Amino acid sequence: MKILILKSNILNFHMLKYKCTVCDYVYDPEIGDPDSGIKPGTLFEDLPADWACPLCGVGKDEFEKENQ
């Protein structure tokens, strides 16, 4: 039972949302970015290097972890 709880906490830690500092778009890994071919469950760190904000077009370097 404790192992399952630990696994759940680790999964939640890695499913962090990231917010665009230019337009405030929030990348949610639980949703992904289907319009760009990014499947649900894709972590921000695993997005392709050339992925861009779907609203304003800036790169991943313009995103910050969202405070939850």
PDB file of N, CA and C in Angstrom:
ATOM      1  N   MET A   1       0.817  -1.190   0.000  1.00  0.00           N
ATOM      2  CA  MET A   1       0.000   0.000   0.000  1.00  0.00           C
ATOM      3  C   MET A   1       0.863   1.258   0.000  1.00  0.00           C
ATOM      4  N   LYS A   2       1.904   1.296   0.797  1.00  0.00           N
ATOM      5  CA  LYS A   2       2.771   2.462   0.845  1.00  0.00           C
ATOM      6  C   LYS A   2       3.461   2.702  -0.493  1.00  0.00           C
ATOM      7  N   ILE A   3       3.813   1.642  -1.190  1.00  0.00           N
ATOM      8  CA  ILE A   3       4.463   1.777  -2.487  1.00  0.00           C
ATOM      9  C   ILE A   3       3.527   2.460  -3.475  1.00  0.00           C
ATOM     10  N   LEU A   4       2.269   2.107  -3.469  1.00  0.00           N
ATOM     11  CA  LEU A   4       1.309   2.734  -4.379  1.00  0.00           C
ATOM     12  C   LEU A   4       1.161   4.216  -4.082  1.00  0.00           C
ATOM     13  N   ILE A   5       1.141   4.575  -2.828  1.00  0.00           N
ATOM     14  CA  ILE A   5       1.031   5.989  -2.462  1.00  0.00           C
ATOM     15  C   ILE A   5       2.268   6.744  -2.938  1.00  0.00           C
ATOM     16  N   LEU A   6       3.428   6.178  -2.732  1.00  0.00           N
ATOM     17  CA  LEU A   6       4.660   6.801  -3.178  1.00  0.00           C
ATOM     18  C   LEU A   6       4.653   6.977  -4.685  1.00  0.00           C
ATOM     19  N   LYS A   7       4.257   5.954  -5.426  1.00  0.00           N
ATOM     20  CA  LYS A   7       4.190   6.056  -6.876  1.00  0.00           C
ATOM     21  C   LYS A   7       3.240   7.168  -7.292  1.00  0.00           C
ATOM     22  N   SER A   8       2.110   7.275  -6.634  1.00  0.00           N
ATOM     23  CA  SER A   8       1.141   8.311  -6.955  1.00  0.00           C
ATOM     24  C   SER A   8       1.732   9.696  -6.726  1.00  0.00           C
ATOM     25  N   ASN A   9       2.451   9.888  -5.627  1.00  0.00           N
ATOM     26  CA  ASN A   9       3.069  11.176  -5.345  1.00  0.00           C
ATOM     27  C   ASN A   9       4.138  11.517  -6.372  1.00  0.00           C
ATOM     28  N   ILE A  10       4.920  10.550  -6.790  1.00  0.00           N
ATOM     29  CA  ILE A  10       5.942  10.778  -7.805  1.00  0.00           C
ATOM     30  C   ILE A  10       5.283  11.160  -9.127  1.00  0.00           C
ATOM     31  N   LEU A  11       4.228  10.492  -9.500  1.00  0.00           N
ATOM     32  CA  LEU A  11       3.533  10.802 -10.749  1.00  0.00           C
ATOM     33  C   LEU A  11       2.987  12.224 -10.709  1.00  0.00           C
ATOM     34  N   ASN A  12       2.371  12.602  -9.598  1.00  0.00           N
ATOM     35  CA  ASN A  12       1.842  13.953  -9.476  1.00  0.00           C
ATOM     36  C   ASN A  12       2.940  14.997  -9.540  1.00  0.00           C
ATOM     37  N   PHE A  13       4.095  14.713  -8.963  1.00  0.00           N
ATOM     38  CA  PHE A  13       5.217  15.640  -8.994  1.00  0.00           C
ATOM     39  C   PHE A  13       5.660  15.889 -10.427  1.00  0.00           C
ATOM     40  N   HIS A  14       5.703  14.855 -11.226  1.00  0.00           N
ATOM     41  CA  HIS A  14       6.187  14.988 -12.593  1.00  0.00           C
ATOM     42  C   HIS A  14       5.146  15.564 -13.547  1.00  0.00           C
ATOM     43  N   MET A  15       3.892  15.589 -13.151  1.00  0.00           N
ATOM     44  CA  MET A  15       2.848  16.099 -14.029  1.00  0.00           C
ATOM     45  C   MET A  15       2.613  17.593 -13.786  1.00  0.00           C
ATOM     46  N   LEU A  16       3.696  18.334 -13.619  1.00  0.00           N
ATOM     47  CA  LEU A  16       3.602  19.761 -13.364  1.00  0.00           C
ATOM     48  C   LEU A  16       3.127  20.507 -14.607  1.00  0.00           C
ATOM     49  N   LYS A  17       2.376  21.562 -14.361  1.00  0.00           N
ATOM     50  CA  LYS A  17       1.925  22.437 -15.441  1.00  0.00           C
ATOM     51  C   LYS A  17       2.952  23.539 -15.621  1.00  0.00           C
ATOM     52  N   TYR A  18       3.074  24.028 -16.839  1.00  0.00           N
ATOM     53  CA  TYR A  18       3.993  25.111 -17.159  1.00  0.00           C
ATOM     54  C   TYR A  18       3.216  26.242 -17.810  1.00  0.00           C
ATOM     55  N   LYS A  19       3.550  27.477 -17.431  1.00  0.00           N
ATOM     56  CA  LYS A  19       2.827  28.650 -17.897  1.00  0.00           C
ATOM     57  C   LYS A  19       3.723  29.508 -18.790  1.00  0.00           C
ATOM     58  N   CYS A  20       3.176  29.920 -19.915  1.00  0.00           N
ATOM     59  CA  CYS A  20       3.888  30.809 -20.833  1.00  0.00           C
ATOM     60  C   CYS A  20       3.993  32.190 -20.186  1.00  0.00           C
ATOM     61  N   THR A  21       5.198  32.734 -20.132  1.00  0.00           N
ATOM     62  CA  THR A  21       5.402  34.037 -19.514  1.00  0.00           C
ATOM     63  C   THR A  21       4.991  35.188 -20.433  1.00  0.00           C
ATOM     64  N   VAL A  22       4.682  34.880 -21.685  1.00  0.00           N
ATOM     65  CA  VAL A  22       4.284  35.917 -22.636  1.00  0.00           C
ATOM     66  C   VAL A  22       2.764  36.079 -22.676  1.00  0.00           C
ATOM     67  N   CYS A  23       2.045  34.945 -22.795  1.00  0.00           N
ATOM     68  CA  CYS A  23       0.585  35.033 -22.991  1.00  0.00           C
ATOM     69  C   CYS A  23      -0.235  34.327 -21.907  1.00  0.00           C
ATOM     70  N   ASP A  24       0.426  33.697 -20.945  1.00  0.00           N
ATOM     71  CA  ASP A  24      -0.229  32.998 -19.832  1.00  0.00           C
ATOM     72  C   ASP A  24      -0.898  31.678 -20.215  1.00  0.00           C
ATOM     73  N   TYR A  25      -0.629  31.158 -21.413  1.00  0.00           N
ATOM     74  CA  TYR A  25      -1.108  29.818 -21.766  1.00  0.00           C
ATOM     75  C   TYR A  25      -0.499  28.820 -20.787  1.00  0.00           C
ATOM     76  N   VAL A  26      -1.279  27.848 -20.355  1.00  0.00           N
ATOM     77  CA  VAL A  26      -0.788  26.830 -19.433  1.00  0.00           C
ATOM     78  C   VAL A  26      -0.733  25.487 -20.151  1.00  0.00           C
ATOM     79  N   TYR A  27       0.472  24.910 -20.201  1.00  0.00           N
ATOM     80  CA  TYR A  27       0.614  23.563 -20.750  1.00  0.00           C
ATOM     81  C   TYR A  27       0.321  22.579 -19.635  1.00  0.00           C
ATOM     82  N   ASP A  28      -0.693  21.760 -19.835  1.00  0.00           N
ATOM     83  CA  ASP A  28      -1.102  20.745 -18.866  1.00  0.00           C
ATOM     84  C   ASP A  28      -0.780  19.378 -19.449  1.00  0.00           C
ATOM     85  N   PRO A  29       0.174  18.651 -18.859  1.00  0.00           N
ATOM     86  CA  PRO A  29       0.551  17.358 -19.425  1.00  0.00           C
ATOM     87  C   PRO A  29      -0.574  16.335 -19.420  1.00  0.00           C
ATOM     88  N   GLU A  30      -1.569  16.510 -18.574  1.00  0.00           N
ATOM     89  CA  GLU A  30      -2.703  15.587 -18.582  1.00  0.00           C
ATOM     90  C   GLU A  30      -3.545  15.751 -19.842  1.00  0.00           C
ATOM     91  N   ILE A  31      -3.473  16.931 -20.450  1.00  0.00           N
ATOM     92  CA  ILE A  31      -4.222  17.216 -21.675  1.00  0.00           C
ATOM     93  C   ILE A  31      -3.327  17.106 -22.906  1.00  0.00           C
ATOM     94  N   GLY A  32      -2.069  17.525 -22.763  1.00  0.00           N
ATOM     95  CA  GLY A  32      -1.160  17.558 -23.907  1.00  0.00           C
ATOM     96  C   GLY A  32      -1.470  18.763 -24.781  1.00  0.00           C
ATOM     97  N   ASP A  33      -1.158  18.655 -26.052  1.00  0.00           N
ATOM     98  CA  ASP A  33      -1.468  19.697 -27.044  1.00  0.00           C
ATOM     99  C   ASP A  33      -1.901  18.982 -28.315  1.00  0.00           C
ATOM    100  N   PRO A  34      -3.151  18.477 -28.310  1.00  0.00           N
ATOM    101  CA  PRO A  34      -3.609  17.650 -29.427  1.00  0.00           C
ATOM    102  C   PRO A  34      -3.516  18.329 -30.795  1.00  0.00           C
ATOM    103  N   ASP A  35      -3.692  19.648 -30.835  1.00  0.00           N
ATOM    104  CA  ASP A  35      -3.613  20.351 -32.114  1.00  0.00           C
ATOM    105  C   ASP A  35      -2.201  20.329 -32.701  1.00  0.00           C
ATOM    106  N   SER A  36      -1.219  20.110 -31.844  1.00  0.00           N
ATOM    107  CA  SER A  36       0.176  20.020 -32.295  1.00  0.00           C
ATOM    108  C   SER A  36       0.682  18.584 -32.305  1.00  0.00           C
ATOM    109  N   GLY A  37      -0.228  17.628 -32.090  1.00  0.00           N
ATOM    110  CA  GLY A  37       0.146  16.222 -32.110  1.00  0.00           C
ATOM    111  C   GLY A  37       0.780  15.733 -30.820  1.00  0.00           C
ATOM    112  N   ILE A  38       0.629  16.481 -29.732  1.00  0.00           N
ATOM    113  CA  ILE A  38       1.194  16.094 -28.444  1.00  0.00           C
ATOM    114  C   ILE A  38       0.121  15.361 -27.649  1.00  0.00           C
ATOM    115  N   LYS A  39       0.361  14.107 -27.350  1.00  0.00           N
ATOM    116  CA  LYS A  39      -0.623  13.257 -26.685  1.00  0.00           C
ATOM    117  C   LYS A  39      -0.737  13.573 -25.198  1.00  0.00           C
ATOM    118  N   PRO A  40      -1.918  13.330 -24.619  1.00  0.00           N
ATOM    119  CA  PRO A  40      -2.070  13.461 -23.174  1.00  0.00           C
ATOM    120  C   PRO A  40      -1.049  12.574 -22.463  1.00  0.00           C
ATOM    121  N   GLY A  41      -0.527  13.067 -21.341  1.00  0.00           N
ATOM    122  CA  GLY A  41       0.477  12.329 -20.590  1.00  0.00           C
ATOM    123  C   GLY A  41       1.902  12.713 -20.939  1.00  0.00           C
ATOM    124  N   THR A  42       2.079  13.600 -21.935  1.00  0.00           N
ATOM    125  CA  THR A  42       3.416  14.033 -22.330  1.00  0.00           C
ATOM    126  C   THR A  42       3.898  15.122 -21.376  1.00  0.00           C
ATOM    127  N   LEU A  43       4.974  14.829 -20.665  1.00  0.00           N
ATOM    128  CA  LEU A  43       5.542  15.806 -19.745  1.00  0.00           C
ATOM    129  C   LEU A  43       6.137  16.984 -20.509  1.00  0.00           C
ATOM    130  N   PHE A  44       6.156  18.140 -19.866  1.00  0.00           N
ATOM    131  CA  PHE A  44       6.725  19.329 -20.509  1.00  0.00           C
ATOM    132  C   PHE A  44       8.159  19.064 -20.952  1.00  0.00           C
ATOM    133  N   GLU A  45       8.918  18.396 -20.095  1.00  0.00           N
ATOM    134  CA  GLU A  45      10.319  18.100 -20.402  1.00  0.00           C
ATOM    135  C   GLU A  45      10.473  17.206 -21.629  1.00  0.00           C
ATOM    136  N   ASP A  46       9.423  16.464 -21.969  1.00  0.00           N
ATOM    137  CA  ASP A  46       9.471  15.541 -23.103  1.00  0.00           C
ATOM    138  C   ASP A  46       8.913  16.141 -24.393  1.00  0.00           C
ATOM    139  N   LEU A  47       8.475  17.396 -24.344  1.00  0.00           N
ATOM    140  CA  LEU A  47       8.003  18.039 -25.575  1.00  0.00           C
ATOM    141  C   LEU A  47       9.175  18.189 -26.541  1.00  0.00           C
ATOM    142  N   PRO A  48       8.903  18.126 -27.836  1.00  0.00           N
ATOM    143  CA  PRO A  48       9.989  18.307 -28.808  1.00  0.00           C
ATOM    144  C   PRO A  48      10.661  19.671 -28.625  1.00  0.00           C
ATOM    145  N   ALA A  49      11.934  19.763 -28.953  1.00  0.00           N
ATOM    146  CA  ALA A  49      12.688  21.007 -28.796  1.00  0.00           C
ATOM    147  C   ALA A  49      12.073  22.153 -29.595  1.00  0.00           C
ATOM    148  N   ASP A  50      11.422  21.820 -30.703  1.00  0.00           N
ATOM    149  CA  ASP A  50      10.844  22.871 -31.549  1.00  0.00           C
ATOM    150  C   ASP A  50       9.367  23.154 -31.238  1.00  0.00           C
ATOM    151  N   TRP A  51       8.840  22.561 -30.160  1.00  0.00           N
ATOM    152  CA  TRP A  51       7.450  22.832 -29.787  1.00  0.00           C
ATOM    153  C   TRP A  51       7.328  24.302 -29.418  1.00  0.00           C
ATOM    154  N   ALA A  52       6.202  24.912 -29.793  1.00  0.00           N
ATOM    155  CA  ALA A  52       5.964  26.327 -29.515  1.00  0.00           C
ATOM    156  C   ALA A  52       4.601  26.498 -28.863  1.00  0.00           C
ATOM    157  N   CYS A  53       4.484  27.558 -28.093  1.00  0.00           N
ATOM    158  CA  CYS A  53       3.221  27.890 -27.451  1.00  0.00           C
ATOM    159  C   CYS A  53       2.141  27.984 -28.529  1.00  0.00           C
ATOM    160  N   PRO A  54       1.029  27.271 -28.353  1.00  0.00           N
ATOM    161  CA  PRO A  54      -0.012  27.287 -29.373  1.00  0.00           C
ATOM    162  C   PRO A  54      -0.748  28.626 -29.487  1.00  0.00           C
ATOM    163  N   LEU A  55      -0.597  29.493 -28.514  1.00  0.00           N
ATOM    164  CA  LEU A  55      -1.274  30.791 -28.586  1.00  0.00           C
ATOM    165  C   LEU A  55      -0.402  31.912 -29.152  1.00  0.00           C
ATOM    166  N   CYS A  56       0.864  31.981 -28.686  1.00  0.00           N
ATOM    167  CA  CYS A  56       1.695  33.107 -29.118  1.00  0.00           C
ATOM    168  C   CYS A  56       2.944  32.705 -29.893  1.00  0.00           C
ATOM    169  N   GLY A  57       3.256  31.403 -29.920  1.00  0.00           N
ATOM    170  CA  GLY A  57       4.352  30.919 -30.756  1.00  0.00           C
ATOM    171  C   GLY A  57       5.748  30.957 -30.157  1.00  0.00           C
ATOM    172  N   VAL A  58       5.898  31.346 -28.883  1.00  0.00           N
ATOM    173  CA  VAL A  58       7.238  31.358 -28.296  1.00  0.00           C
ATOM    174  C   VAL A  58       7.669  29.935 -27.936  1.00  0.00           C
ATOM    175  N   GLY A  59       8.967  29.757 -27.749  1.00  0.00           N
ATOM    176  CA  GLY A  59       9.510  28.440 -27.451  1.00  0.00           C
ATOM    177  C   GLY A  59       9.392  28.055 -25.989  1.00  0.00           C
ATOM    178  N   LYS A  60       9.814  26.827 -25.700  1.00  0.00           N
ATOM    179  CA  LYS A  60       9.732  26.269 -24.347  1.00  0.00           C
ATOM    180  C   LYS A  60      10.509  27.098 -23.328  1.00  0.00           C
ATOM    181  N   ASP A  61      11.531  27.806 -23.780  1.00  0.00           N
ATOM    182  CA  ASP A  61      12.349  28.590 -22.858  1.00  0.00           C
ATOM    183  C   ASP A  61      11.599  29.769 -22.248  1.00  0.00           C
ATOM    184  N   GLU A  62      10.421  30.077 -22.779  1.00  0.00           N
ATOM    185  CA  GLU A  62       9.602  31.175 -22.253  1.00  0.00           C
ATOM    186  C   GLU A  62       8.537  30.674 -21.273  1.00  0.00           C
ATOM    187  N   PHE A  63       8.636  29.426 -20.842  1.00  0.00           N
ATOM    188  CA  PHE A  63       7.682  28.832 -19.910  1.00  0.00           C
ATOM    189  C   PHE A  63       8.316  28.672 -18.533  1.00  0.00           C
ATOM    190  N   GLU A  64       7.481  28.793 -17.503  1.00  0.00           N
ATOM    191  CA  GLU A  64       7.914  28.574 -16.127  1.00  0.00           C
ATOM    192  C   GLU A  64       6.959  27.594 -15.460  1.00  0.00           C
ATOM    193  N   LYS A  65       7.479  26.865 -14.475  1.00  0.00           N
ATOM    194  CA  LYS A  65       6.605  25.959 -13.703  1.00  0.00           C
ATOM    195  C   LYS A  65       5.513  26.791 -13.049  1.00  0.00           C
ATOM    196  N   GLU A  66       4.298  26.268 -13.136  1.00  0.00           N
ATOM    197  CA  GLU A  66       3.182  26.972 -12.530  1.00  0.00           C
ATOM    198  C   GLU A  66       3.103  26.608 -11.056  1.00  0.00           C
ATOM    199  N   ASN A  67       2.904  27.582 -10.206  1.00  0.00           N
ATOM    200  CA  ASN A  67       2.715  27.328  -8.781  1.00  0.00           C
ATOM    201  C   ASN A  67       1.353  26.686  -8.576  1.00  0.00           C
ATOM    202  N   GLN A  68       1.365  25.545  -7.883  1.00  0.00           N
ATOM    203  CA  GLN A  68       0.099  24.828  -7.691  1.00  0.00           C
ATOM    204  C   GLN A  68      -0.267  24.797  -6.254  1.00  0.00           C
TER     205      GLN A  68
END
